[in-house]
Amino acid sequence: MKVLVIQPKIGMGDMVIYLPYIHAISKKYQTPVSILVKENSRANQLLAEDKLIEEILILDRTKNNTGTHDGLSGFFKLSKDLKLKKFDKVFIFSSSLRLLLITKMAGIKNISQYPLFRKKDNIVTSAKIFTENELGMIVSTQPKLIINGDKVKEAKQKFSKEFKHICLGISASGPTKRWDIKNFINLCININARTPSKFYLAAGNNDKDLIDQFLNSKLSNNCISFKDLKIIETLPIIKNCNLYIGNDTGWLHISSALGVKSLALFMDSPVQAYGKYSKNIEVIVPEGETEETTSHDTLGADKISFEKVLNKSIELLG
């Protein structure tokens, strides 16, 4: 049986969060599955070593409707492309009528999908309920990224035992979800004074200014930037880290799925959706808020307690 899973969300974090359900589908049908995802999910790099993934297809849709799968012509192109693959079964993690019609036109007879026109809700809860109902089995929400074991060992050999190794998620999808970079620098100075540490700056070219501030600080000799590395090259490094500290960003979810203890700072995104699905994630929210009230439009970046972050970081470093 040829099985397709459609996961149309954008980011790396979403890709990681959906992994338990994709894996469960593969195991239930006892076959690797193909996935249709967007380029920004970085699935090609995150899942390069995952034997439960048969093929990664790219859903090319953009905000300005210039993608090859946008518009009417894109509708027919995608349905034609999928038809050539001759899928027997599809799971659509979306309530999109467009995707339903495309898969029908592609000749896929067995279609499982979220209820049409569903309102936005908890991403994890929706995926879990949908998958469990379709498969008739309990599915854990805990994701696991599969990476090359030899690469992990190779990275570990470069890690000095004289230091703790900390992945820093200084990036974010928007400024309201980002703790001030000066706070991160001060935090690392304090941690390093207690426990000599190396800090791995999980950010890309769009965050060059944030990276430069770290590299121009007194911690410069203790910092390693991910800016010029591919995502797949960072995975063995993160796997060997003692701790992740950072914003609610894709790097948080990657770290968690690699089994790394992760301290997540939530200030303008829903904790209940993105901070509670993994046993590896500890959460800090703005002063005056709770895990239940911290969500979109909380705008609490200035209310994250520095002392709480420092104390929890030291505790988790053990």
Protein backbone atom coordinates (compact mmCIF):
# COMPACT_ATOMS: atom_id res chain seq x y z
CA MET A 1 0.00 0.00 0.00
CA LYS A 2 1.26 3.48 -0.88
CA VAL A 3 0.42 6.00 1.85
CA LEU A 4 0.64 9.79 1.67
CA VAL A 5 0.55 12.18 4.63
CA ILE A 6 -0.16 15.86 3.96
CA GLN A 7 1.14 18.29 6.59
CA PRO A 8 0.73 21.82 5.17
CA LYS A 9 2.06 23.95 8.04
CA ILE A 10 5.17 26.04 7.49
CA GLY A 11 7.84 25.80 10.17
CA MET A 12 10.42 23.34 11.46
CA GLY A 13 8.68 23.22 14.83
CA ASP A 14 5.40 22.14 13.28
CA MET A 15 7.20 19.46 11.27
CA VAL A 16 8.69 18.05 14.46
CA ILE A 17 5.38 18.19 16.35
CA TYR A 18 3.63 16.12 13.66
CA LEU A 19 6.33 13.42 13.63
CA PRO A 20 4.72 11.06 16.21
CA TYR A 21 1.58 10.86 14.09
CA ILE A 22 3.45 10.32 10.82
CA HIS A 23 5.50 7.59 12.48
CA ALA A 24 2.37 5.98 13.92
CA ILE A 25 0.75 5.87 10.47
CA SER A 26 3.86 4.26 8.99
CA LYS A 27 4.01 1.63 11.72
CA LYS A 28 0.28 0.88 11.50
CA TYR A 29 0.45 0.23 7.76
CA GLN A 30 3.89 -1.41 8.08
CA THR A 31 5.34 0.66 5.27
CA PRO A 32 7.34 3.88 4.90
CA VAL A 33 5.06 6.79 4.00
CA SER A 34 5.44 9.73 1.65
CA ILE A 35 4.82 13.21 3.01
CA LEU A 36 3.68 16.39 1.28
CA VAL A 37 5.09 19.39 3.17
CA LYS A 38 6.24 22.95 2.58
CA GLU A 39 9.88 23.78 1.89
CA ASN A 40 10.22 25.83 5.08
CA SER A 41 9.43 22.75 7.14
CA ARG A 42 13.04 21.69 6.39
CA ALA A 43 11.76 18.12 6.20
CA ASN A 44 14.43 17.21 3.64
CA GLN A 45 17.10 17.83 6.28
CA LEU A 46 15.24 16.92 9.47
CA LEU A 47 14.09 13.56 8.12
CA ALA A 48 17.02 12.63 5.90
CA GLU A 49 17.87 9.59 8.08
CA ASP A 50 14.30 8.56 8.89
CA LYS A 51 13.56 5.13 7.42
CA LEU A 52 9.83 5.52 8.04
CA ILE A 53 9.72 8.26 5.39
CA GLU A 54 9.64 6.98 1.82
CA GLU A 55 9.63 10.28 -0.06
CA ILE A 56 9.35 13.99 0.71
CA LEU A 57 7.19 15.95 -1.72
CA ILE A 58 7.17 19.75 -1.61
CA LEU A 59 3.92 21.71 -1.42
CA ASP A 60 4.87 24.93 -3.21
CA ARG A 61 2.38 27.54 -2.00
CA THR A 62 3.34 31.09 -1.05
CA LYS A 63 1.76 34.12 0.62
CA ASN A 64 1.89 36.09 -2.64
CA ASN A 65 0.36 33.22 -4.65
CA THR A 66 3.40 32.73 -6.88
CA GLY A 67 4.04 29.08 -6.01
CA THR A 68 3.70 26.32 -8.56
CA HIS A 69 0.77 24.89 -6.56
CA ASP A 70 -1.06 28.21 -6.17
CA GLY A 71 -4.13 29.24 -8.13
CA LEU A 72 -6.18 27.13 -10.50
CA SER A 73 -3.19 25.98 -12.52
CA GLY A 74 -1.43 24.94 -9.32
CA PHE A 75 -4.54 23.02 -8.25
CA PHE A 76 -4.43 20.89 -11.39
CA LYS A 77 -0.64 20.54 -11.34
CA LEU A 78 -0.60 19.16 -7.80
CA SER A 79 -3.46 16.75 -8.47
CA LYS A 80 -1.66 15.54 -11.60
CA ASP A 81 1.64 15.11 -9.74
CA LEU A 82 -0.04 13.11 -6.98
CA LYS A 83 -1.95 10.98 -9.48
CA LEU A 84 1.33 9.85 -11.03
CA LYS A 85 2.42 8.53 -7.63
CA LYS A 86 -0.61 6.21 -7.45
CA PHE A 87 -1.28 6.56 -3.73
CA ASP A 88 -3.83 4.21 -2.16
CA LYS A 89 -4.38 6.17 1.05
CA VAL A 90 -3.94 9.76 2.23
CA PHE A 91 -4.06 11.39 5.66
CA ILE A 92 -4.68 15.16 5.48
CA PHE A 93 -3.71 17.05 8.64
CA SER A 94 -5.81 20.03 7.57
CA SER A 95 -9.46 20.94 7.10
CA SER A 96 -8.76 22.38 3.64
CA LEU A 97 -11.44 21.78 1.01
CA ARG A 98 -8.82 22.48 -1.65
CA LEU A 99 -6.61 19.60 -0.48
CA LEU A 100 -9.61 17.29 -0.30
CA LEU A 101 -10.57 18.05 -3.91
CA ILE A 102 -6.97 17.75 -5.10
CA THR A 103 -6.58 14.29 -3.58
CA LYS A 104 -9.93 13.19 -5.02
CA MET A 105 -8.84 14.36 -8.48
CA ALA A 106 -5.57 12.51 -7.95
CA GLY A 107 -7.59 9.31 -7.77
CA ILE A 108 -6.81 8.50 -4.14
CA LYS A 109 -9.72 6.34 -3.04
CA ASN A 110 -9.13 6.24 0.70
CA ILE A 111 -9.03 9.74 2.21
CA SER A 112 -8.84 10.59 5.91
CA GLN A 113 -8.98 14.26 6.83
CA TYR A 114 -9.71 16.74 9.59
CA PRO A 115 -13.36 17.92 9.56
CA LEU A 116 -13.86 20.56 6.86
CA PHE A 117 -13.88 24.26 7.82
CA ARG A 118 -12.64 23.50 11.32
CA LYS A 119 -11.64 26.52 13.40
CA LYS A 120 -8.08 26.81 14.70
CA ASP A 121 -7.45 24.90 17.90
CA ASN A 122 -4.64 23.12 19.75
CA ILE A 123 -2.31 21.73 17.07
CA VAL A 124 -1.22 18.76 19.19
CA THR A 125 -4.69 17.83 20.44
CA SER A 126 -6.15 17.95 16.93
CA ALA A 127 -3.41 15.76 15.47
CA LYS A 128 -3.53 13.26 18.33
CA ILE A 129 -7.33 12.82 18.29
CA PHE A 130 -7.41 12.57 14.50
CA THR A 131 -4.63 9.97 14.32
CA GLU A 132 -5.92 7.87 17.20
CA ASN A 133 -9.44 7.82 15.75
CA GLU A 134 -8.16 6.81 12.33
CA LEU A 135 -5.69 4.17 13.53
CA GLY A 136 -7.62 2.85 16.51
CA MET A 137 -4.62 3.08 18.82
CA ILE A 138 -3.07 5.39 21.40
CA VAL A 139 -0.34 7.63 19.98
CA SER A 140 2.26 9.38 22.13
CA THR A 141 2.77 13.11 21.54
CA GLN A 142 6.54 12.74 22.08
CA PRO A 143 8.44 13.24 18.80
CA LYS A 144 11.76 11.58 17.98
CA LEU A 145 14.15 12.79 15.31
CA ILE A 146 16.23 10.01 13.79
CA ILE A 147 19.80 11.06 12.98
CA ASN A 148 23.04 9.37 11.94
CA GLY A 149 24.68 7.71 14.95
CA ASP A 150 28.19 8.02 13.53
CA LYS A 151 27.70 11.76 13.09
CA VAL A 152 26.57 12.02 16.72
CA LYS A 153 29.72 10.22 17.90
CA GLU A 154 31.88 12.40 15.66
CA ALA A 155 30.35 15.56 17.10
CA LYS A 156 30.76 14.27 20.65
CA GLN A 157 34.49 13.80 20.17
CA LYS A 158 34.79 17.55 19.61
CA PHE A 159 32.99 18.37 22.87
CA SER A 160 35.32 19.14 25.76
CA LYS A 161 34.33 17.51 29.05
CA GLU A 162 35.55 20.61 30.85
CA PHE A 163 32.46 22.51 29.73
CA LYS A 164 28.69 22.23 29.77
CA HIS A 165 27.27 22.55 26.27
CA ILE A 166 24.17 24.69 25.80
CA CYS A 167 22.09 25.26 22.67
CA LEU A 168 20.70 28.81 22.68
CA GLY A 169 17.49 29.48 20.75
CA ILE A 170 17.95 33.22 20.30
CA SER A 171 15.91 33.30 17.10
CA ALA A 172 12.11 33.45 16.77
CA SER A 173 9.42 33.83 14.12
CA GLY A 174 8.78 37.43 15.20
CA PRO A 175 10.10 40.11 17.57
CA THR A 176 7.29 39.65 20.11
CA LYS A 177 8.36 36.02 20.61
CA ARG A 178 12.00 36.88 21.26
CA TRP A 179 13.61 37.53 24.65
CA ASP A 180 15.99 40.49 24.41
CA ILE A 181 19.45 39.42 23.22
CA LYS A 182 21.05 41.37 26.06
CA ASN A 183 19.19 39.13 28.49
CA PHE A 184 20.60 36.05 26.78
CA ILE A 185 24.13 37.43 26.92
CA ASN A 186 23.79 38.33 30.60
CA LEU A 187 22.29 34.91 31.30
CA CYS A 188 25.21 33.15 29.67
CA ILE A 189 27.74 35.29 31.51
CA ASN A 190 26.12 34.26 34.79
CA ILE A 191 25.93 30.58 33.83
CA ASN A 192 29.53 30.56 32.66
CA ALA A 193 30.68 32.13 35.94
CA ARG A 194 29.14 29.18 37.81
CA THR A 195 29.78 26.42 35.29
CA PRO A 196 32.22 26.88 32.38
CA SER A 197 30.09 26.47 29.28
CA LYS A 198 30.07 26.52 25.51
CA PHE A 199 27.09 28.18 23.85
CA TYR A 200 25.75 27.13 20.44
CA LEU A 201 23.87 29.99 18.80
CA ALA A 202 20.85 28.46 17.08
CA ALA A 203 20.00 31.14 14.55
CA GLY A 204 20.40 31.75 10.83
CA ASN A 205 21.41 34.48 8.42
CA ASN A 206 18.30 36.52 9.21
CA ASP A 207 19.54 36.82 12.79
CA LYS A 208 23.05 37.99 11.97
CA ASP A 209 22.68 41.05 14.22
CA LEU A 210 21.79 38.89 17.22
CA ILE A 211 24.68 36.53 16.54
CA ASP A 212 27.12 39.42 16.13
CA GLN A 213 26.13 40.86 19.50
CA PHE A 214 27.07 37.55 21.12
CA LEU A 215 30.31 37.23 19.16
CA ASN A 216 31.28 40.79 20.14
CA SER A 217 30.62 40.17 23.84
CA LYS A 218 33.03 38.89 26.49
CA LEU A 219 31.65 35.41 25.72
CA SER A 220 32.94 35.39 22.15
CA ASN A 221 35.47 32.61 22.80
CA ASN A 222 32.73 30.42 24.27
CA CYS A 223 30.29 30.79 21.36
CA ILE A 224 29.75 28.70 18.24
CA SER A 225 27.33 30.02 15.63
CA PHE A 226 25.01 27.86 13.51
CA LYS A 227 24.68 30.66 10.95
CA ASP A 228 26.74 28.99 8.23
CA LEU A 229 25.63 25.43 8.95
CA LYS A 230 22.84 23.49 7.28
CA ILE A 231 20.09 22.25 9.60
CA ILE A 232 21.22 18.66 9.12
CA GLU A 233 24.73 19.62 10.22
CA THR A 234 23.46 21.09 13.49
CA LEU A 235 21.51 18.00 14.58
CA PRO A 236 24.46 15.91 15.88
CA ILE A 237 25.76 18.98 17.72
CA ILE A 238 22.41 19.67 19.42
CA LYS A 239 22.04 15.98 20.29
CA ASN A 240 25.23 16.23 22.37
CA CYS A 241 24.19 19.38 24.24
CA ASN A 242 23.35 19.29 27.94
CA LEU A 243 20.53 21.81 27.65
CA TYR A 244 18.50 24.01 25.31
CA ILE A 245 17.57 27.48 26.53
CA GLY A 246 15.59 29.76 24.30
CA ASN A 247 12.47 31.14 22.73
CA ASP A 248 9.55 29.16 21.37
CA THR A 249 11.16 28.51 18.01
CA GLY A 250 11.89 25.59 15.71
CA TRP A 251 15.16 24.96 17.53
CA LEU A 252 13.23 24.29 20.74
CA HIS A 253 11.21 21.52 19.13
CA ILE A 254 14.26 20.06 17.39
CA SER A 255 16.17 19.96 20.67
CA SER A 256 13.26 18.32 22.48
CA ALA A 257 12.88 15.69 19.74
CA LEU A 258 16.60 14.90 20.04
CA GLY A 259 16.11 14.10 23.72
CA VAL A 260 17.73 17.29 25.04
CA LYS A 261 16.36 18.94 28.19
CA SER A 262 14.79 22.18 26.98
CA LEU A 263 13.94 25.38 28.85
CA ALA A 264 11.42 27.27 26.73
CA LEU A 265 10.57 30.95 27.17
CA PHE A 266 6.99 31.56 26.11
CA MET A 267 5.96 35.19 25.85
CA ASP A 268 3.63 35.50 22.87
CA SER A 269 2.58 32.01 21.77
CA PRO A 270 0.30 29.32 23.25
CA VAL A 271 2.01 27.20 25.88
CA GLN A 272 -0.79 24.64 25.86
CA ALA A 273 -0.17 23.93 22.18
CA TYR A 274 3.60 24.21 21.87
CA GLY A 275 5.01 23.71 25.34
CA LYS A 276 3.24 20.74 26.92
CA TYR A 277 3.47 17.90 24.40
CA SER A 278 7.01 16.78 25.29
CA LYS A 279 8.46 15.48 28.55
CA ASN A 280 11.71 17.24 27.64
CA ILE A 281 10.27 20.77 27.72
CA GLU A 282 10.19 23.01 30.81
CA VAL A 283 8.35 26.31 30.43
CA ILE A 284 8.76 29.83 31.81
CA VAL A 285 5.99 32.35 31.15
CA PRO A 286 5.73 36.12 31.77
CA GLU A 287 5.18 37.37 35.31
CA GLY A 288 1.46 37.66 35.99
CA GLU A 289 0.59 35.00 33.40
CA THR A 290 0.02 31.26 33.66
CA GLU A 291 0.62 28.44 31.21
CA GLU A 292 -3.09 28.59 30.41
CA THR A 293 -3.20 32.35 29.76
CA THR A 294 0.06 32.68 27.81
CA SER A 295 -0.94 32.65 24.16
CA HIS A 296 -0.97 34.79 21.04
CA ASP A 297 -1.00 38.54 21.81
CA THR A 298 0.26 38.07 25.38
CA LEU A 299 3.19 40.34 24.45
CA GLY A 300 5.14 39.37 27.54
CA ALA A 301 8.76 39.57 26.37
CA ASP A 302 9.59 42.23 28.95
CA LYS A 303 7.95 40.24 31.75
CA ILE A 304 10.08 37.10 31.62
CA SER A 305 11.90 36.93 34.96
CA PHE A 306 15.66 36.87 34.48
CA GLU A 307 16.16 35.26 37.89
CA LYS A 308 13.70 32.48 37.08
CA VAL A 309 15.46 31.72 33.83
CA LEU A 310 18.89 31.74 35.47
CA ASN A 311 17.85 29.59 38.43
CA LYS A 312 16.02 27.07 36.27
CA SER A 313 18.95 26.88 33.86
CA ILE A 314 21.36 26.10 36.68
CA GLU A 315 18.96 23.52 38.07
CA LEU A 316 18.55 21.74 34.73
CA LEU A 317 22.30 21.74 34.12
CA GLY A 318 22.50 19.77 37.34
